[in-house]
């Protein structure tokens, strides 16, 4: 079987799991990031905001760590992320909003420490 899909070069699944979970690597790298994230219907910036909303609402702080940083790479500013998380706190529950804001705070403070 030949794979004719273009690759975004994403290898996050492979980096995380290597040979441990080849199915998870395939669906993460080839389907989610090579296909879904590359679809033309939404910008990566908008996809990041939607993903952050879903992860915050579900309380998935482990995945939110990656996606908040990824959103910054996709052009979402720190101030926009703070505002989005405040807004989400009212719709997804205050503890989820607080948890997400703590994750963002740690990312920003870590970057500031690394850059000083």
N, C-alpha and C. Protein backbone atom coordinates (compact mmCIF):
# COMPACT_ATOMS: atom_id res chain seq x y z
N UNK A 1 0.85 -1.17 0.00
CA UNK A 1 0.00 0.00 0.00
C UNK A 1 0.89 1.24 0.00
N UNK A 2 0.62 2.17 -0.87
CA UNK A 2 1.40 3.39 -0.98
C UNK A 2 0.68 4.53 -0.29
N UNK A 3 1.42 5.32 0.49
CA UNK A 3 0.86 6.47 1.17
C UNK A 3 1.07 7.69 0.29
N UNK A 4 0.00 8.22 -0.29
CA UNK A 4 0.09 9.36 -1.20
C UNK A 4 -0.18 10.69 -0.52
N UNK A 5 -0.38 10.68 0.80
CA UNK A 5 -0.68 11.93 1.49
C UNK A 5 0.60 12.70 1.74
N UNK A 6 0.49 14.01 1.66
CA UNK A 6 1.63 14.86 1.96
C UNK A 6 1.89 14.84 3.45
N UNK A 7 3.12 15.06 3.82
CA UNK A 7 3.48 15.08 5.23
C UNK A 7 3.82 16.49 5.66
N UNK A 8 3.32 16.87 6.83
CA UNK A 8 3.67 18.17 7.39
C UNK A 8 5.02 18.11 8.08
N UNK A 9 5.56 16.91 8.19
CA UNK A 9 6.82 16.73 8.89
C UNK A 9 6.63 16.55 10.39
N UNK A 10 5.38 16.49 10.83
CA UNK A 10 5.08 16.33 12.23
C UNK A 10 5.58 14.98 12.73
N UNK A 11 6.25 14.97 13.86
CA UNK A 11 6.74 13.71 14.43
C UNK A 11 6.55 13.67 15.94
N UNK A 12 5.59 14.46 16.45
CA UNK A 12 5.34 14.49 17.89
C UNK A 12 4.95 13.14 18.46
N UNK A 13 4.14 12.39 17.74
CA UNK A 13 3.76 11.06 18.20
C UNK A 13 4.95 10.13 18.26
N UNK A 14 5.77 10.17 17.22
CA UNK A 14 6.97 9.33 17.19
C UNK A 14 7.94 9.74 18.30
N UNK A 15 8.06 11.05 18.53
CA UNK A 15 8.94 11.52 19.60
C UNK A 15 8.46 11.07 20.97
N UNK A 16 7.14 11.06 21.15
CA UNK A 16 6.56 10.69 22.45
C UNK A 16 6.59 9.18 22.69
N UNK A 17 6.31 8.39 21.64
CA UNK A 17 6.11 6.97 21.84
C UNK A 17 7.08 6.05 21.12
N UNK A 18 7.78 6.56 20.11
CA UNK A 18 8.70 5.69 19.37
C UNK A 18 8.03 4.43 18.90
N UNK A 19 8.61 3.28 19.22
CA UNK A 19 8.05 1.98 18.83
C UNK A 19 7.05 1.44 19.84
N UNK A 20 6.87 2.14 20.96
CA UNK A 20 6.00 1.64 22.03
C UNK A 20 4.54 1.51 21.61
N UNK A 21 4.03 2.50 20.89
CA UNK A 21 2.61 2.52 20.51
C UNK A 21 2.48 2.97 19.06
N UNK A 22 2.81 2.08 18.10
CA UNK A 22 2.82 2.48 16.70
C UNK A 22 1.48 2.99 16.19
N UNK A 23 0.39 2.48 16.68
CA UNK A 23 -0.92 2.97 16.25
C UNK A 23 -1.14 4.41 16.68
N UNK A 24 -0.79 4.72 17.93
CA UNK A 24 -0.93 6.08 18.44
C UNK A 24 -0.03 7.03 17.65
N UNK A 25 1.18 6.58 17.32
CA UNK A 25 2.11 7.39 16.52
C UNK A 25 1.50 7.67 15.15
N UNK A 26 0.98 6.64 14.49
CA UNK A 26 0.39 6.80 13.16
C UNK A 26 -0.76 7.80 13.18
N UNK A 27 -1.72 7.60 14.08
CA UNK A 27 -2.90 8.46 14.08
C UNK A 27 -2.58 9.89 14.52
N UNK A 28 -1.61 10.03 15.41
CA UNK A 28 -1.20 11.37 15.83
C UNK A 28 -0.48 12.10 14.70
N UNK A 29 0.54 11.47 14.16
CA UNK A 29 1.39 12.14 13.18
C UNK A 29 0.77 12.20 11.79
N UNK A 30 0.23 11.11 11.32
CA UNK A 30 -0.25 11.04 9.94
C UNK A 30 -1.69 11.52 9.77
N UNK A 31 -2.55 11.17 10.69
CA UNK A 31 -3.96 11.54 10.53
C UNK A 31 -4.23 12.91 11.17
N UNK A 32 -3.96 13.03 12.47
CA UNK A 32 -4.30 14.27 13.16
C UNK A 32 -3.51 15.46 12.63
N UNK A 33 -2.17 15.36 12.63
CA UNK A 33 -1.39 16.53 12.24
C UNK A 33 -1.15 16.65 10.74
N UNK A 34 -0.99 15.55 10.01
CA UNK A 34 -0.79 15.65 8.56
C UNK A 34 -2.10 15.90 7.81
N UNK A 35 -3.21 15.42 8.34
CA UNK A 35 -4.48 15.58 7.62
C UNK A 35 -5.39 16.63 8.28
N UNK A 36 -5.81 16.40 9.51
CA UNK A 36 -6.80 17.28 10.14
C UNK A 36 -6.25 18.69 10.31
N UNK A 37 -5.06 18.83 10.89
CA UNK A 37 -4.51 20.18 11.13
C UNK A 37 -4.15 20.90 9.84
N UNK A 38 -3.99 20.19 8.74
CA UNK A 38 -3.61 20.80 7.47
C UNK A 38 -4.81 21.11 6.57
N UNK A 39 -6.02 20.79 7.01
CA UNK A 39 -7.20 21.08 6.20
C UNK A 39 -7.34 22.59 6.01
N UNK A 40 -7.83 23.02 4.86
CA UNK A 40 -7.91 24.45 4.57
C UNK A 40 -9.08 25.19 5.24
N UNK A 41 -10.03 24.50 5.84
CA UNK A 41 -11.23 25.14 6.36
C UNK A 41 -11.03 26.09 7.53
N UNK A 42 -10.00 25.90 8.31
CA UNK A 42 -9.68 26.77 9.44
C UNK A 42 -8.18 27.03 9.45
N UNK A 43 -7.80 28.19 9.91
CA UNK A 43 -6.37 28.46 10.06
C UNK A 43 -5.83 27.65 11.25
N UNK A 44 -4.53 27.46 11.30
CA UNK A 44 -3.93 26.76 12.45
C UNK A 44 -4.18 27.56 13.73
N UNK A 45 -4.19 28.88 13.62
CA UNK A 45 -4.47 29.73 14.77
C UNK A 45 -5.86 29.42 15.32
N UNK A 46 -6.85 29.35 14.43
CA UNK A 46 -8.22 29.06 14.86
C UNK A 46 -8.33 27.63 15.39
N UNK A 47 -7.66 26.70 14.74
CA UNK A 47 -7.67 25.31 15.23
C UNK A 47 -7.09 25.25 16.64
N UNK A 48 -6.04 26.03 16.88
CA UNK A 48 -5.44 26.05 18.22
C UNK A 48 -6.45 26.56 19.25
N UNK A 49 -7.16 27.63 18.93
CA UNK A 49 -8.14 28.17 19.88
C UNK A 49 -9.27 27.18 20.15
N UNK A 50 -9.73 26.51 19.11
CA UNK A 50 -10.79 25.52 19.29
C UNK A 50 -10.28 24.36 20.16
N UNK A 51 -9.08 23.92 19.89
CA UNK A 51 -8.49 22.81 20.65
C UNK A 51 -8.32 23.20 22.11
N UNK A 52 -7.84 24.40 22.37
CA UNK A 52 -7.66 24.87 23.74
C UNK A 52 -9.01 24.93 24.46
N UNK A 53 -10.04 25.37 23.75
CA UNK A 53 -11.37 25.42 24.36
C UNK A 53 -11.84 24.02 24.75
N UNK A 54 -11.67 23.07 23.87
CA UNK A 54 -12.10 21.70 24.15
C UNK A 54 -11.31 21.09 25.31
N UNK A 55 -10.00 21.25 25.28
CA UNK A 55 -9.16 20.67 26.34
C UNK A 55 -9.43 21.33 27.69
N UNK A 56 -9.65 22.63 27.69
CA UNK A 56 -9.98 23.32 28.94
C UNK A 56 -11.31 22.83 29.47
N UNK A 57 -12.32 22.75 28.61
CA UNK A 57 -13.65 22.30 29.03
C UNK A 57 -13.61 20.89 29.60
N UNK A 58 -12.76 20.06 29.03
CA UNK A 58 -12.65 18.67 29.48
C UNK A 58 -11.68 18.49 30.64
N UNK A 59 -10.96 19.55 31.00
CA UNK A 59 -9.99 19.46 32.10
C UNK A 59 -8.76 18.64 31.76
N UNK A 60 -8.37 18.62 30.50
CA UNK A 60 -7.23 17.82 30.04
C UNK A 60 -5.94 18.63 30.09
N UNK A 61 -5.46 18.91 31.30
CA UNK A 61 -4.32 19.80 31.48
C UNK A 61 -3.02 19.24 30.91
N UNK A 62 -2.88 17.91 30.87
CA UNK A 62 -1.65 17.34 30.31
C UNK A 62 -1.52 17.66 28.82
N UNK A 63 -2.60 17.56 28.06
CA UNK A 63 -2.58 17.89 26.65
C UNK A 63 -2.59 19.39 26.43
N UNK A 64 -3.19 20.12 27.35
CA UNK A 64 -3.25 21.57 27.25
C UNK A 64 -1.86 22.18 27.32
N UNK A 65 -0.98 21.58 28.06
CA UNK A 65 0.42 22.05 28.15
C UNK A 65 1.00 22.20 26.74
N UNK A 66 0.89 21.18 25.94
CA UNK A 66 1.40 21.23 24.57
C UNK A 66 0.63 22.25 23.74
N UNK A 67 -0.70 22.21 23.81
CA UNK A 67 -1.50 23.01 22.88
C UNK A 67 -1.47 24.50 23.18
N UNK A 68 -1.27 24.90 24.42
CA UNK A 68 -1.10 26.33 24.69
C UNK A 68 0.19 26.84 24.06
N UNK A 69 1.25 26.07 24.20
CA UNK A 69 2.52 26.47 23.58
C UNK A 69 2.40 26.43 22.05
N UNK A 70 1.74 25.43 21.52
CA UNK A 70 1.53 25.31 20.07
C UNK A 70 0.72 26.49 19.55
N UNK A 71 -0.28 26.93 20.32
CA UNK A 71 -1.09 28.08 19.93
C UNK A 71 -0.21 29.32 19.80
N UNK A 72 0.72 29.48 20.70
CA UNK A 72 1.65 30.61 20.64
C UNK A 72 2.46 30.53 19.34
N UNK A 73 2.89 29.34 18.96
CA UNK A 73 3.62 29.16 17.70
C UNK A 73 2.72 29.45 16.50
N UNK A 74 1.43 29.24 16.67
CA UNK A 74 0.45 29.47 15.60
C UNK A 74 -0.09 30.89 15.59
N UNK A 75 0.52 31.79 16.36
CA UNK A 75 0.18 33.20 16.28
C UNK A 75 -0.78 33.74 17.33
N UNK A 76 -1.19 32.93 18.27
CA UNK A 76 -2.06 33.41 19.33
C UNK A 76 -1.17 34.06 20.39
N UNK A 77 -1.49 35.30 20.78
CA UNK A 77 -0.65 36.00 21.76
C UNK A 77 -0.97 35.52 23.17
N UNK A 78 -0.04 35.79 24.08
CA UNK A 78 -0.26 35.44 25.48
C UNK A 78 -1.48 36.16 26.04
N UNK A 79 -1.66 37.41 25.67
CA UNK A 79 -2.83 38.16 26.15
C UNK A 79 -4.13 37.56 25.62
N UNK A 80 -4.13 37.12 24.36
CA UNK A 80 -5.32 36.47 23.80
C UNK A 80 -5.60 35.14 24.52
N UNK A 81 -4.54 34.41 24.84
CA UNK A 81 -4.73 33.15 25.56
C UNK A 81 -5.29 33.40 26.95
N UNK A 82 -4.77 34.39 27.64
CA UNK A 82 -5.30 34.73 28.98
C UNK A 82 -6.78 35.08 28.89
N UNK A 83 -7.13 35.88 27.91
CA UNK A 83 -8.53 36.29 27.75
C UNK A 83 -9.42 35.10 27.38
N UNK A 84 -8.92 34.24 26.50
CA UNK A 84 -9.69 33.04 26.11
C UNK A 84 -9.93 32.15 27.33
N UNK A 85 -8.91 31.98 28.15
CA UNK A 85 -9.06 31.11 29.33
C UNK A 85 -10.00 31.72 30.36
N UNK A 86 -9.98 33.03 30.51
CA UNK A 86 -10.94 33.69 31.40
C UNK A 86 -12.37 33.46 30.89
N UNK A 87 -12.56 33.66 29.61
CA UNK A 87 -13.87 33.44 29.01
C UNK A 87 -14.31 31.99 29.20
N UNK A 88 -13.39 31.07 28.95
CA UNK A 88 -13.71 29.65 29.08
C UNK A 88 -14.04 29.25 30.51
N UNK A 89 -13.46 29.93 31.49
CA UNK A 89 -13.74 29.59 32.89
C UNK A 89 -15.23 29.68 33.19
N UNK A 90 -15.91 30.63 32.57
CA UNK A 90 -17.34 30.79 32.82
C UNK A 90 -18.18 29.72 32.12
N UNK A 91 -17.68 29.19 31.04
CA UNK A 91 -18.43 28.20 30.27
C UNK A 91 -18.01 26.76 30.57
N UNK A 92 -16.79 26.57 31.04
CA UNK A 92 -16.30 25.20 31.25
C UNK A 92 -16.08 24.87 32.72
N UNK A 93 -16.34 25.83 33.60
CA UNK A 93 -16.15 25.60 35.03
C UNK A 93 -14.92 26.32 35.53
N UNK A 94 -15.08 26.97 36.67
CA UNK A 94 -13.99 27.76 37.22
C UNK A 94 -12.73 26.93 37.48
N UNK A 95 -12.84 25.72 38.05
CA UNK A 95 -11.61 24.93 38.26
C UNK A 95 -10.86 24.63 36.96
N UNK A 96 -11.58 24.37 35.88
CA UNK A 96 -10.91 24.12 34.60
C UNK A 96 -10.23 25.37 34.10
N UNK A 97 -10.88 26.51 34.23
CA UNK A 97 -10.26 27.77 33.82
C UNK A 97 -9.04 28.10 34.65
N UNK A 98 -9.13 27.88 35.96
CA UNK A 98 -7.99 28.12 36.84
C UNK A 98 -6.83 27.18 36.51
N UNK A 99 -7.15 25.92 36.28
CA UNK A 99 -6.11 24.94 35.93
C UNK A 99 -5.42 25.31 34.63
N UNK A 100 -6.20 25.70 33.63
CA UNK A 100 -5.64 26.07 32.33
C UNK A 100 -4.79 27.33 32.45
N UNK A 101 -5.24 28.29 33.24
CA UNK A 101 -4.47 29.52 33.43
C UNK A 101 -3.17 29.23 34.15
N UNK A 102 -3.17 28.31 35.07
CA UNK A 102 -1.94 27.90 35.75
C UNK A 102 -0.96 27.28 34.76
N UNK A 103 -1.47 26.45 33.86
CA UNK A 103 -0.60 25.84 32.84
C UNK A 103 0.02 26.94 31.98
N UNK A 104 -0.78 27.91 31.53
CA UNK A 104 -0.27 29.00 30.71
C UNK A 104 0.76 29.83 31.48
N UNK A 105 0.47 30.13 32.73
CA UNK A 105 1.39 30.90 33.56
C UNK A 105 2.74 30.20 33.64
N UNK A 106 2.72 28.90 33.86
CA UNK A 106 3.98 28.13 33.94
C UNK A 106 4.75 28.15 32.63
N UNK A 107 4.05 28.08 31.51
CA UNK A 107 4.70 28.14 30.19
C UNK A 107 5.37 29.50 30.01
N UNK A 108 4.65 30.56 30.28
CA UNK A 108 5.18 31.92 30.09
C UNK A 108 6.35 32.16 31.03
N UNK A 109 6.21 31.78 32.29
CA UNK A 109 7.30 32.00 33.25
C UNK A 109 8.54 31.18 32.89
N UNK A 110 8.33 29.98 32.40
CA UNK A 110 9.46 29.14 31.97
C UNK A 110 10.19 29.76 30.80
N UNK A 111 9.42 30.31 29.83
CA UNK A 111 10.03 30.97 28.68
C UNK A 111 10.81 32.22 29.11
N UNK A 112 10.22 32.98 30.03
CA UNK A 112 10.91 34.19 30.51
C UNK A 112 12.21 33.83 31.23
N UNK A 113 12.17 32.76 32.01
CA UNK A 113 13.36 32.30 32.73
C UNK A 113 14.43 31.83 31.73
N UNK A 114 14.00 31.09 30.71
CA UNK A 114 14.94 30.58 29.69
C UNK A 114 15.55 31.72 28.88
N UNK A 115 14.82 32.81 28.71
CA UNK A 115 15.28 33.93 27.89
C UNK A 115 16.03 35.01 28.69
N UNK A 116 16.19 34.78 29.99
CA UNK A 116 16.90 35.80 30.79
C UNK A 116 18.33 35.40 31.07
